[in-house]
Amino acid sequence: MSKIIDARGLSCPQPVILTLNELKNTTETQLEILVDTVTAKENVTRAVNSQGWQVDKVETLDDEYKIVIYK
């Protein structure tokens, strides 16, 4: 089971900051990030790629997105 970062309800750049802080401190090799805007989805995706993580998949759940990443 991957660790979940819940960034729903946060406005940019908070989802990106929350995600980047977690990437620096985690020992996990897979994470799930939950966001609720297209902008947050795009910004988080770019941010994790810039840190050497890969996006495995992005699932749309109603008006929310689950971004699954791995290293």
N, C-alpha and C. Protein backbone atom coordinates (compact mmCIF):
# COMPACT_ATOMS: atom_id res chain seq x y z
N MET A 1 0.86 -1.19 0.00
CA MET A 1 0.00 0.00 0.00
C MET A 1 0.90 1.24 0.00
N SER A 2 0.61 2.17 -0.89
CA SER A 2 1.41 3.39 -0.95
C SER A 2 0.91 4.42 0.04
N LYS A 3 1.81 5.29 0.38
CA LYS A 3 1.47 6.42 1.23
C LYS A 3 0.64 7.40 0.41
N ILE A 4 -0.37 8.01 1.06
CA ILE A 4 -1.26 8.95 0.37
C ILE A 4 -0.99 10.36 0.86
N ILE A 5 -0.79 11.27 -0.09
CA ILE A 5 -0.66 12.69 0.21
C ILE A 5 -1.98 13.34 -0.22
N ASP A 6 -2.72 13.85 0.74
CA ASP A 6 -4.03 14.44 0.44
C ASP A 6 -3.88 15.95 0.32
N ALA A 7 -3.86 16.44 -0.92
CA ALA A 7 -3.72 17.88 -1.17
C ALA A 7 -5.03 18.49 -1.68
N ARG A 8 -6.13 17.76 -1.49
CA ARG A 8 -7.43 18.29 -1.92
C ARG A 8 -7.80 19.50 -1.08
N GLY A 9 -8.41 20.48 -1.75
CA GLY A 9 -8.84 21.67 -1.05
C GLY A 9 -7.77 22.73 -0.88
N LEU A 10 -6.55 22.43 -1.31
CA LEU A 10 -5.45 23.39 -1.20
C LEU A 10 -5.29 24.12 -2.53
N SER A 11 -5.00 25.41 -2.45
CA SER A 11 -4.79 26.16 -3.68
C SER A 11 -3.30 26.19 -3.99
N CYS A 12 -2.98 26.30 -5.27
CA CYS A 12 -1.58 26.33 -5.70
C CYS A 12 -0.89 27.55 -5.10
N PRO A 13 0.33 27.39 -4.68
CA PRO A 13 1.23 26.25 -4.93
C PRO A 13 1.25 25.22 -3.80
N GLN A 14 0.31 25.25 -2.89
CA GLN A 14 0.36 24.37 -1.72
C GLN A 14 0.42 22.88 -2.05
N PRO A 15 -0.34 22.36 -3.03
CA PRO A 15 -0.20 20.92 -3.34
C PRO A 15 1.21 20.55 -3.78
N VAL A 16 1.85 21.44 -4.55
CA VAL A 16 3.22 21.18 -5.01
C VAL A 16 4.18 21.19 -3.84
N ILE A 17 4.07 22.19 -2.97
CA ILE A 17 4.96 22.30 -1.80
C ILE A 17 4.79 21.08 -0.88
N LEU A 18 3.55 20.71 -0.62
CA LEU A 18 3.27 19.56 0.23
C LEU A 18 3.89 18.29 -0.37
N THR A 19 3.72 18.11 -1.67
CA THR A 19 4.27 16.93 -2.34
C THR A 19 5.79 16.93 -2.32
N LEU A 20 6.42 18.06 -2.66
CA LEU A 20 7.88 18.12 -2.68
C LEU A 20 8.47 17.88 -1.29
N ASN A 21 7.85 18.42 -0.25
CA ASN A 21 8.32 18.16 1.12
C ASN A 21 8.25 16.68 1.45
N GLU A 22 7.17 16.03 1.03
CA GLU A 22 7.02 14.60 1.29
C GLU A 22 8.07 13.80 0.52
N LEU A 23 8.36 14.18 -0.71
CA LEU A 23 9.37 13.46 -1.50
C LEU A 23 10.73 13.52 -0.84
N LYS A 24 11.06 14.65 -0.22
CA LYS A 24 12.37 14.81 0.44
C LYS A 24 12.48 13.94 1.68
N ASN A 25 11.35 13.68 2.33
CA ASN A 25 11.39 13.01 3.63
C ASN A 25 10.95 11.54 3.61
N THR A 26 10.54 11.05 2.46
CA THR A 26 10.00 9.69 2.44
C THR A 26 11.05 8.65 2.10
N THR A 27 10.83 7.44 2.58
CA THR A 27 11.65 6.31 2.17
C THR A 27 10.82 5.40 1.25
N GLU A 28 9.59 5.79 1.00
CA GLU A 28 8.70 5.02 0.13
C GLU A 28 9.20 5.09 -1.31
N THR A 29 8.85 4.09 -2.10
CA THR A 29 9.19 4.11 -3.52
C THR A 29 7.95 4.36 -4.38
N GLN A 30 6.79 4.40 -3.74
CA GLN A 30 5.55 4.72 -4.46
C GLN A 30 4.68 5.57 -3.56
N LEU A 31 4.07 6.60 -4.15
CA LEU A 31 3.17 7.50 -3.41
C LEU A 31 1.94 7.77 -4.26
N GLU A 32 0.85 8.14 -3.57
CA GLU A 32 -0.36 8.59 -4.24
C GLU A 32 -0.65 10.01 -3.78
N ILE A 33 -0.91 10.89 -4.72
CA ILE A 33 -1.23 12.28 -4.39
C ILE A 33 -2.66 12.54 -4.85
N LEU A 34 -3.47 13.06 -3.96
CA LEU A 34 -4.86 13.41 -4.27
C LEU A 34 -4.98 14.91 -4.42
N VAL A 35 -5.51 15.36 -5.55
CA VAL A 35 -5.74 16.79 -5.80
C VAL A 35 -7.13 16.95 -6.39
N ASP A 36 -7.61 18.20 -6.39
CA ASP A 36 -8.98 18.41 -6.87
C ASP A 36 -9.11 19.49 -7.95
N THR A 37 -7.99 19.84 -8.59
CA THR A 37 -8.07 20.75 -9.73
C THR A 37 -7.12 20.27 -10.83
N VAL A 38 -7.45 20.62 -12.06
CA VAL A 38 -6.59 20.27 -13.19
C VAL A 38 -5.23 20.96 -13.05
N THR A 39 -5.25 22.21 -12.60
CA THR A 39 -3.99 22.95 -12.43
C THR A 39 -3.08 22.26 -11.43
N ALA A 40 -3.62 21.84 -10.30
CA ALA A 40 -2.83 21.14 -9.29
C ALA A 40 -2.29 19.83 -9.85
N LYS A 41 -3.12 19.11 -10.61
CA LYS A 41 -2.68 17.85 -11.22
C LYS A 41 -1.48 18.10 -12.14
N GLU A 42 -1.57 19.11 -12.98
CA GLU A 42 -0.49 19.40 -13.93
C GLU A 42 0.77 19.88 -13.20
N ASN A 43 0.60 20.75 -12.21
CA ASN A 43 1.76 21.29 -11.49
C ASN A 43 2.45 20.21 -10.66
N VAL A 44 1.69 19.37 -9.98
CA VAL A 44 2.28 18.28 -9.18
C VAL A 44 3.00 17.30 -10.09
N THR A 45 2.40 16.98 -11.23
CA THR A 45 3.02 16.05 -12.18
C THR A 45 4.37 16.59 -12.64
N ARG A 46 4.43 17.86 -13.01
CA ARG A 46 5.70 18.47 -13.43
C ARG A 46 6.72 18.47 -12.30
N ALA A 47 6.26 18.78 -11.09
CA ALA A 47 7.16 18.87 -9.94
C ALA A 47 7.78 17.51 -9.61
N VAL A 48 6.98 16.44 -9.61
CA VAL A 48 7.53 15.13 -9.26
C VAL A 48 8.50 14.65 -10.34
N ASN A 49 8.20 14.96 -11.60
CA ASN A 49 9.12 14.59 -12.68
C ASN A 49 10.46 15.30 -12.52
N SER A 50 10.42 16.55 -12.07
CA SER A 50 11.66 17.32 -11.91
C SER A 50 12.52 16.78 -10.76
N GLN A 51 11.92 15.97 -9.88
CA GLN A 51 12.64 15.41 -8.75
C GLN A 51 13.08 13.96 -8.99
N GLY A 52 12.93 13.50 -10.23
CA GLY A 52 13.38 12.15 -10.56
C GLY A 52 12.35 11.06 -10.32
N TRP A 53 11.13 11.42 -10.01
CA TRP A 53 10.04 10.46 -9.84
C TRP A 53 9.31 10.32 -11.16
N GLN A 54 8.64 9.19 -11.36
CA GLN A 54 7.87 8.94 -12.56
C GLN A 54 6.39 8.85 -12.22
N VAL A 55 5.56 9.36 -13.11
CA VAL A 55 4.11 9.22 -12.93
C VAL A 55 3.69 7.89 -13.52
N ASP A 56 3.14 7.02 -12.69
CA ASP A 56 2.68 5.71 -13.14
C ASP A 56 1.32 5.85 -13.81
N LYS A 57 0.41 6.56 -13.15
CA LYS A 57 -0.92 6.76 -13.72
C LYS A 57 -1.62 7.91 -13.03
N VAL A 58 -2.61 8.46 -13.73
CA VAL A 58 -3.46 9.50 -13.16
C VAL A 58 -4.89 9.01 -13.33
N GLU A 59 -5.58 8.85 -12.20
CA GLU A 59 -6.97 8.41 -12.24
C GLU A 59 -7.88 9.58 -11.94
N THR A 60 -8.96 9.69 -12.69
CA THR A 60 -9.95 10.72 -12.44
C THR A 60 -11.07 10.11 -11.62
N LEU A 61 -11.32 10.70 -10.45
CA LEU A 61 -12.37 10.22 -9.55
C LEU A 61 -13.35 11.37 -9.34
N ASP A 62 -14.46 11.37 -10.06
CA ASP A 62 -15.41 12.47 -10.04
C ASP A 62 -14.69 13.77 -10.39
N ASP A 63 -14.60 14.71 -9.46
CA ASP A 63 -13.91 15.98 -9.72
C ASP A 63 -12.52 15.99 -9.10
N GLU A 64 -11.99 14.83 -8.80
CA GLU A 64 -10.68 14.75 -8.15
C GLU A 64 -9.75 13.87 -8.99
N TYR A 65 -8.47 13.98 -8.68
CA TYR A 65 -7.47 13.20 -9.40
C TYR A 65 -6.56 12.49 -8.41
N LYS A 66 -6.23 11.25 -8.74
CA LYS A 66 -5.25 10.49 -7.95
C LYS A 66 -4.04 10.27 -8.86
N ILE A 67 -2.90 10.82 -8.43
CA ILE A 67 -1.66 10.71 -9.19
C ILE A 67 -0.80 9.66 -8.47
N VAL A 68 -0.49 8.58 -9.16
CA VAL A 68 0.34 7.52 -8.58
C VAL A 68 1.74 7.68 -9.16
N ILE A 69 2.72 7.85 -8.27
CA ILE A 69 4.10 8.07 -8.70
C ILE A 69 5.02 7.01 -8.08
N TYR A 70 6.16 6.80 -8.72
CA TYR A 70 7.15 5.85 -8.19
C TYR A 70 8.55 6.36 -8.49
N LYS A 71 9.49 5.81 -7.75
CA LYS A 71 10.90 6.18 -7.95
C LYS A 71 11.69 4.94 -8.26
